[in-house]
Protein backbone atom coordinates (compact mmCIF):
# COMPACT_ATOMS: atom_id res chain seq x y z
CA MET A 1 -0.11 0.00 -0.04
CA ALA A 2 0.99 3.70 -0.65
CA GLU A 3 2.63 5.61 1.83
CA ARG A 4 0.38 8.31 3.32
CA GLU A 5 0.73 11.90 1.39
CA ASP A 6 0.81 15.09 2.99
CA VAL A 7 -1.90 17.81 1.47
CA SER A 8 -3.72 20.55 2.41
CA PHE A 9 -7.09 22.65 1.46
CA ASP A 10 -8.16 26.12 2.07
CA SER A 11 -10.95 26.86 4.58
CA GLY A 12 -11.99 30.56 5.23
CA GLY A 13 -8.75 32.05 3.86
CA GLU A 14 -6.67 29.52 6.14
CA ARG A 15 -4.51 26.36 5.30
CA CYS A 16 -5.82 22.90 6.81
CA ALA A 17 -3.35 20.29 6.89
CA ALA A 18 -4.47 16.80 5.96
CA TRP A 19 -3.05 13.20 5.26
CA LEU A 20 -4.15 11.49 2.34
CA TYR A 21 -4.16 7.56 2.04
CA ARG A 22 -4.51 6.18 -1.30
CA PRO A 23 -5.63 2.40 -1.92
CA ASP A 24 -4.07 0.19 -4.49
CA GLY A 25 -5.66 0.42 -8.07
CA GLU A 26 -6.86 3.27 -10.32
CA GLY A 27 -10.23 3.49 -9.06
CA PRO A 28 -12.03 5.69 -8.95
CA HIS A 29 -12.04 4.70 -5.05
CA PRO A 30 -14.52 5.92 -2.25
CA CYS A 31 -13.04 8.38 0.22
CA VAL A 32 -13.71 8.47 3.84
CA VAL A 33 -12.91 12.03 5.25
CA LEU A 34 -11.96 11.93 8.96
CA ALA A 35 -11.42 14.47 11.82
CA HIS A 36 -11.11 14.39 15.68
CA GLY A 37 -13.49 15.71 18.47
CA PHE A 38 -12.86 18.21 20.98
CA GLY A 39 -9.58 19.68 20.90
CA GLY A 40 -8.13 16.69 19.06
CA THR A 41 -5.63 16.46 16.06
CA ARG A 42 -4.96 13.71 13.40
CA GLU A 43 -1.95 12.77 15.49
CA GLY A 44 -4.34 11.22 18.12
CA ARG A 45 -4.75 7.70 16.45
CA LEU A 46 -6.85 8.66 13.19
CA GLY A 47 -4.21 7.38 11.25
CA ALA A 48 -4.95 3.89 12.87
CA PHE A 49 -8.32 3.95 11.47
CA ALA A 50 -7.52 5.57 7.85
CA GLU A 51 -4.89 2.92 7.33
CA ARG A 52 -7.67 -0.08 7.72
CA PHE A 53 -10.04 1.85 5.26
CA ARG A 54 -7.08 2.23 2.73
CA ASP A 55 -6.38 -1.35 3.47
CA ALA A 56 -9.87 -2.42 2.41
CA GLY A 57 -9.95 -0.18 -0.72
CA MET A 58 -10.77 3.20 0.23
CA ALA A 59 -9.06 6.29 0.14
CA ALA A 60 -9.14 8.14 3.57
CA LEU A 61 -8.38 12.01 4.08
CA VAL A 62 -7.75 13.09 7.65
CA PHE A 63 -7.62 16.76 8.65
CA ASP A 64 -6.62 18.97 11.25
CA TYR A 65 -9.23 21.89 12.05
CA ARG A 66 -8.33 25.37 11.60
CA HIS A 67 -6.71 26.76 14.98
CA PHE A 68 -5.27 22.86 15.69
CA GLY A 69 -2.25 20.86 14.90
CA ASP A 70 -0.43 21.84 11.76
CA SER A 71 -3.34 24.01 10.30
CA GLY A 72 -3.68 27.85 10.27
CA GLY A 73 -5.55 30.20 12.20
CA GLU A 74 -5.36 32.52 15.30
CA PRO A 75 -6.17 32.12 18.04
CA ARG A 76 -4.53 28.99 18.63
CA GLN A 77 -6.89 25.89 20.42
CA LEU A 78 -10.00 27.58 19.61
CA VAL A 79 -12.91 25.20 19.15
CA SER A 80 -15.61 26.97 17.03
CA ILE A 81 -18.43 24.86 15.77
CA ARG A 82 -19.38 27.10 12.89
CA ARG A 83 -15.59 27.05 11.54
CA GLN A 84 -15.29 23.39 12.21
CA LEU A 85 -18.39 22.72 10.30
CA ASP A 86 -17.00 24.79 7.26
CA ASP A 87 -13.79 23.03 7.55
CA TRP A 88 -15.50 19.63 7.15
CA ARG A 89 -17.37 21.13 4.29
CA ALA A 90 -13.91 22.57 2.44
CA ALA A 91 -12.31 19.00 3.27
CA VAL A 92 -15.32 17.11 1.63
CA GLU A 93 -15.02 19.58 -1.46
CA PHE A 94 -11.44 18.94 -1.61
CA ALA A 95 -11.71 15.01 -1.62
CA ARG A 96 -14.57 15.27 -4.16
CA SER A 97 -12.20 16.93 -6.32
CA LEU A 98 -9.19 14.49 -6.09
CA ASP A 99 -7.96 12.37 -8.89
CA GLY A 100 -8.99 8.57 -8.54
CA VAL A 101 -11.64 9.32 -6.02
CA ASP A 102 -15.28 8.98 -6.78
CA PRO A 103 -17.08 12.14 -5.66
CA ASP A 104 -20.13 10.23 -5.34
CA ARG A 105 -18.88 7.98 -3.07
CA ILE A 106 -17.64 10.29 -0.05
CA ALA A 107 -18.21 8.95 3.58
CA LEU A 108 -17.90 10.91 6.57
CA TRP A 109 -16.04 9.67 9.91
CA GLY A 110 -16.41 11.52 13.20
CA THR A 111 -15.69 10.65 16.67
CA SER A 112 -16.67 12.37 20.04
CA TYR A 113 -17.45 16.13 19.45
CA SER A 114 -17.00 15.45 15.70
CA GLY A 115 -19.39 12.46 15.85
CA GLY A 116 -22.08 15.00 16.36
CA HIS A 117 -20.65 17.39 13.39
CA VAL A 118 -21.13 14.48 10.90
CA ILE A 119 -24.71 13.75 11.67
CA ARG A 120 -25.31 17.34 10.83
CA LEU A 121 -23.34 17.74 7.66
CA ALA A 122 -24.96 14.39 6.28
CA ALA A 123 -28.28 15.96 6.87
CA GLU A 124 -27.63 18.89 4.72
CA ASP A 125 -25.58 17.06 1.85
CA ASP A 126 -27.61 14.47 0.12
CA ARG A 127 -24.26 13.39 -1.63
CA ILE A 128 -22.82 11.99 1.23
CA ALA A 129 -22.93 8.27 0.78
CA ALA A 130 -22.30 7.11 4.03
CA THR A 131 -21.55 8.31 7.91
CA VAL A 132 -20.00 6.70 10.75
CA SER A 133 -20.41 8.45 14.18
CA GLN A 134 -18.40 7.16 16.86
CA ALA A 135 -18.95 7.67 20.61
CA PRO A 136 -20.88 10.78 19.56
CA HIS A 137 -21.79 14.09 21.38
CA THR A 138 -25.32 14.42 20.43
CA ASP A 139 -27.16 15.96 22.93
CA GLY A 140 -26.00 19.44 24.95
CA ILE A 141 -28.26 19.16 27.51
CA ALA A 142 -27.43 15.59 28.12
CA THR A 143 -23.86 16.21 28.06
CA LEU A 144 -24.08 19.13 30.52
CA ALA A 145 -26.34 17.17 33.04
CA ALA A 146 -23.58 14.26 33.12
CA ALA A 147 -21.10 17.06 34.18
CA GLY A 148 -23.23 18.23 37.02
CA LEU A 149 -23.96 21.48 38.39
CA TRP A 150 -20.44 22.35 39.67
CA ASP A 151 -18.76 21.92 36.41
CA MET A 152 -21.45 23.79 34.31
CA THR A 153 -21.10 26.78 36.85
CA ARG A 154 -17.27 26.35 36.48
CA MET A 155 -17.35 26.10 32.80
CA THR A 156 -19.75 29.09 32.50
CA ILE A 157 -17.41 31.19 34.46
CA ALA A 158 -14.07 30.37 32.35
CA GLY A 159 -16.19 30.61 28.99
CA THR A 160 -17.23 34.15 30.06
CA LEU A 161 -13.72 35.13 31.16
CA ASP A 162 -12.45 33.83 27.80
CA LEU A 163 -15.28 35.88 25.90
CA ILE A 164 -14.42 38.90 27.89
CA ALA A 165 -10.67 38.64 26.94
CA ALA A 166 -11.56 38.43 23.32
CA GLY A 167 -13.85 41.11 23.64
CA VAL A 168 -10.99 43.49 24.61
CA GLY A 169 -8.36 41.85 22.46
CA ASP A 170 -6.51 40.25 25.11
CA GLU A 171 -4.82 36.63 25.21
CA PRO A 172 -7.45 34.16 25.44
CA HIS A 173 -8.23 32.32 28.64
CA ARG A 174 -7.33 28.88 28.32
CA ILE A 175 -7.91 25.74 30.37
CA PRO A 176 -6.71 22.48 29.99
CA ILE A 177 -8.82 19.87 27.60
CA VAL A 178 -8.48 17.11 29.73
CA GLY A 179 -7.67 16.60 33.44
CA GLU A 180 -8.04 14.69 36.47
CA PRO A 181 -11.68 14.79 38.44
CA GLY A 182 -11.87 17.85 40.00
CA ASP A 183 -9.48 19.77 37.87
CA GLY A 184 -10.61 22.77 36.02
CA ALA A 185 -10.57 20.90 32.63
CA ALA A 186 -13.25 20.70 29.93
CA MET A 187 -13.14 16.89 30.15
CA ASN A 188 -12.10 15.75 33.93
CA GLN A 189 -14.26 12.55 34.30
CA PRO A 190 -12.50 9.59 35.67
CA GLY A 191 -9.98 7.75 33.52
CA SER A 192 -10.28 10.62 31.01
CA LYS A 193 -6.87 12.02 31.38
CA ASP A 194 -5.15 8.81 30.88
CA GLY A 195 -7.41 8.01 27.95
CA TYR A 196 -6.82 10.97 25.81
CA LEU A 197 -3.08 10.87 26.66
CA SER A 198 -2.87 7.24 25.45
CA LEU A 199 -3.83 8.54 22.03
CA PHE A 200 -0.77 10.15 21.33
CA GLY A 201 2.55 8.22 20.96
CA ASP A 202 4.63 11.55 21.65
CA PRO A 203 3.05 13.93 24.14
CA ALA A 204 4.67 16.59 22.54
CA ASP A 205 1.75 16.03 19.76
CA PHE A 206 -0.89 16.94 22.12
CA ASP A 207 -1.26 20.69 23.39
CA ASN A 208 -3.82 19.99 26.40
CA ARG A 209 -5.35 23.59 26.03
CA VAL A 210 -8.44 24.77 24.72
CA CYS A 211 -9.94 28.33 24.79
CA ALA A 212 -12.80 28.27 27.61
CA ARG A 213 -15.35 30.13 25.28
CA ALA A 214 -15.91 26.85 23.41
CA LEU A 215 -17.31 25.78 26.76
CA LEU A 216 -20.49 28.14 26.48
CA PHE A 217 -21.68 26.46 23.24
CA VAL A 218 -21.83 22.54 24.47
CA GLY A 219 -25.15 22.96 25.91
CA ILE A 220 -26.71 24.51 22.62
CA ASN A 221 -25.16 22.08 20.39
CA SER A 222 -27.23 19.14 19.87
CA PRO A 223 -26.41 17.53 16.12
CA GLY A 224 -28.78 14.61 17.13
CA SER A 225 -31.64 16.67 16.39
CA PHE A 226 -30.44 16.26 12.53
CA ALA A 227 -30.87 12.47 12.55
CA PRO A 228 -34.26 12.07 11.02
CA LYS A 229 -32.70 14.31 7.76
CA VAL A 230 -29.47 12.11 7.34
CA ASN A 231 -30.66 9.82 4.27
CA CYS A 232 -27.69 7.76 3.79
CA PRO A 233 -26.64 4.90 5.76
CA LEU A 234 -25.34 6.10 9.24
CA LEU A 235 -23.63 3.79 11.60
CA VAL A 236 -23.67 5.10 15.26
CA ALA A 237 -21.02 3.44 17.41
CA VAL A 238 -22.06 3.77 21.24
CA VAL A 239 -19.79 2.89 24.20
CA GLY A 240 -21.95 1.79 26.67
CA GLY A 241 -19.79 2.94 29.81
CA ASP A 242 -19.04 6.41 28.42
CA LEU A 243 -18.97 9.20 31.01
CA VAL A 244 -17.91 11.76 28.45
CA THR A 245 -20.49 11.90 25.95
CA PRO A 246 -23.72 10.00 27.16
CA PRO A 247 -24.78 6.82 25.36
CA GLN A 248 -28.47 7.36 25.50
CA PRO A 249 -29.24 10.03 22.91
CA ALA A 250 -26.90 8.71 20.37
CA ARG A 251 -28.70 5.17 20.60
CA LYS A 252 -31.84 7.35 19.78
CA VAL A 253 -30.12 8.89 16.93
CA ALA A 254 -29.57 5.47 15.34
CA ASP A 255 -33.18 4.99 15.72
CA ARG A 256 -34.44 8.28 14.36
CA ALA A 257 -32.22 8.21 11.38
CA PRO A 258 -33.71 6.68 8.52
CA ARG A 259 -30.99 4.02 7.62
CA GLY A 260 -29.74 4.14 11.12
CA GLU A 261 -27.54 1.17 12.48
CA LEU A 262 -26.42 1.07 15.91
CA VAL A 263 -23.50 -0.95 17.54
CA ASP A 264 -23.34 -0.83 21.28
CA TYR A 265 -19.99 -2.00 22.85
CA GLY A 266 -21.44 -2.41 26.44
CA GLU A 267 -20.91 -0.81 29.89
CA GLU A 268 -17.66 -2.27 30.39
CA TRP A 269 -15.83 0.05 28.10
CA GLY A 270 -15.03 3.80 28.47
CA HIS A 271 -15.30 6.55 26.13
CA PHE A 272 -11.56 6.44 25.16
CA ASP A 273 -11.04 2.63 25.13
CA ILE A 274 -12.41 2.72 21.32
CA TYR A 275 -9.33 4.32 20.09
CA THR A 276 -7.04 1.67 21.24
CA GLY A 277 -6.62 -2.14 22.24
CA GLU A 278 -9.10 -4.60 21.92
CA LEU A 279 -12.18 -2.39 21.24
CA PHE A 280 -10.40 -0.37 18.60
CA GLU A 281 -9.98 -3.77 16.93
CA ARG A 282 -13.67 -4.61 17.27
CA ALA A 283 -14.82 -1.09 16.38
CA VAL A 284 -12.72 -0.55 13.13
CA ALA A 285 -13.59 -3.92 11.68
CA ASP A 286 -17.28 -2.94 12.64
CA GLN A 287 -16.66 0.41 10.64
CA THR A 288 -14.99 -1.27 7.66
CA ALA A 289 -17.66 -3.78 6.68
CA PHE A 290 -20.16 -1.21 7.12
CA LEU A 291 -18.35 1.22 5.00
CA THR A 292 -17.27 -1.55 2.34
CA ARG A 293 -21.16 -2.40 2.23
CA ALA A 294 -22.32 1.14 2.24
CA LEU A 295 -19.70 2.21 -0.59
CA ARG A 296 -20.05 -0.74 -2.83
CA PRO A 297 -20.59 0.99 -6.45
CA ALA A 298 -23.93 1.28 -7.58
CA VAL A 299 -24.88 -1.46 -10.03
CA PRO A 300 -26.46 -0.07 -13.51
CA ALA A 301 -29.98 -0.65 -14.20
CA ALA A 302 -30.56 -3.58 -16.58
CA ALA A 303 -31.74 -1.92 -19.97
């Protein structure tokens, strides 16, 4: 198989850095577009998924959002739902333009926060051929309720301080993306810090900071509401013991999507287990089988 290529595309006047994985053969091949969750970058095990999809005959485009990783954009470490959705749209258009890629067999793959993004994007773009939503954030109110009153109060204060800083032109008020229980991090559920850090082989690849204003928008971000408008096959992968993104709203997304499918990995697994080890092997096999089936070329109708 070919080595991955370093590529880039424009989004909002900034460069988005990406990896392109091409399978053997002339094509045209289907292509899976992948991006990470809250504060994540492509270095956080996304290449492991992309390699499996490539080995199964699919191209894969893995990108970093603006403000993160090797992509442009200031301030650094800014999670903007609007901008991330625009980055996804730009990535899809770039994938459709690639030689050897079938523009009508583009799939979306999102995880955690981006697992919600891809539901919304698939609902608005009927050309999307398939979607995988892994351990997704689908219901903002449910996510805040799981965090608890103290953390909601803390996040509101931190987010407000960051908005004030932005308004007066000061350096952003950043907090850790992930920490131990009781820490002032965006995610501080038991096991979250070790789980998140396990995605990065080199700790230098992970900048554990985020502009706190993003926390003010978690509660109003409920992309699961778009599920009835997703007309392509949608695979929702739920981790039953997930303390970061509550699994029950995600199960409802699979029920409400016209062509939704649910795979539920049970209570023994946590949010970050799906990226490594045994659960990764199970999940990536299920996703590869789903995508292979959903992205199979259409058979021409008999004359």
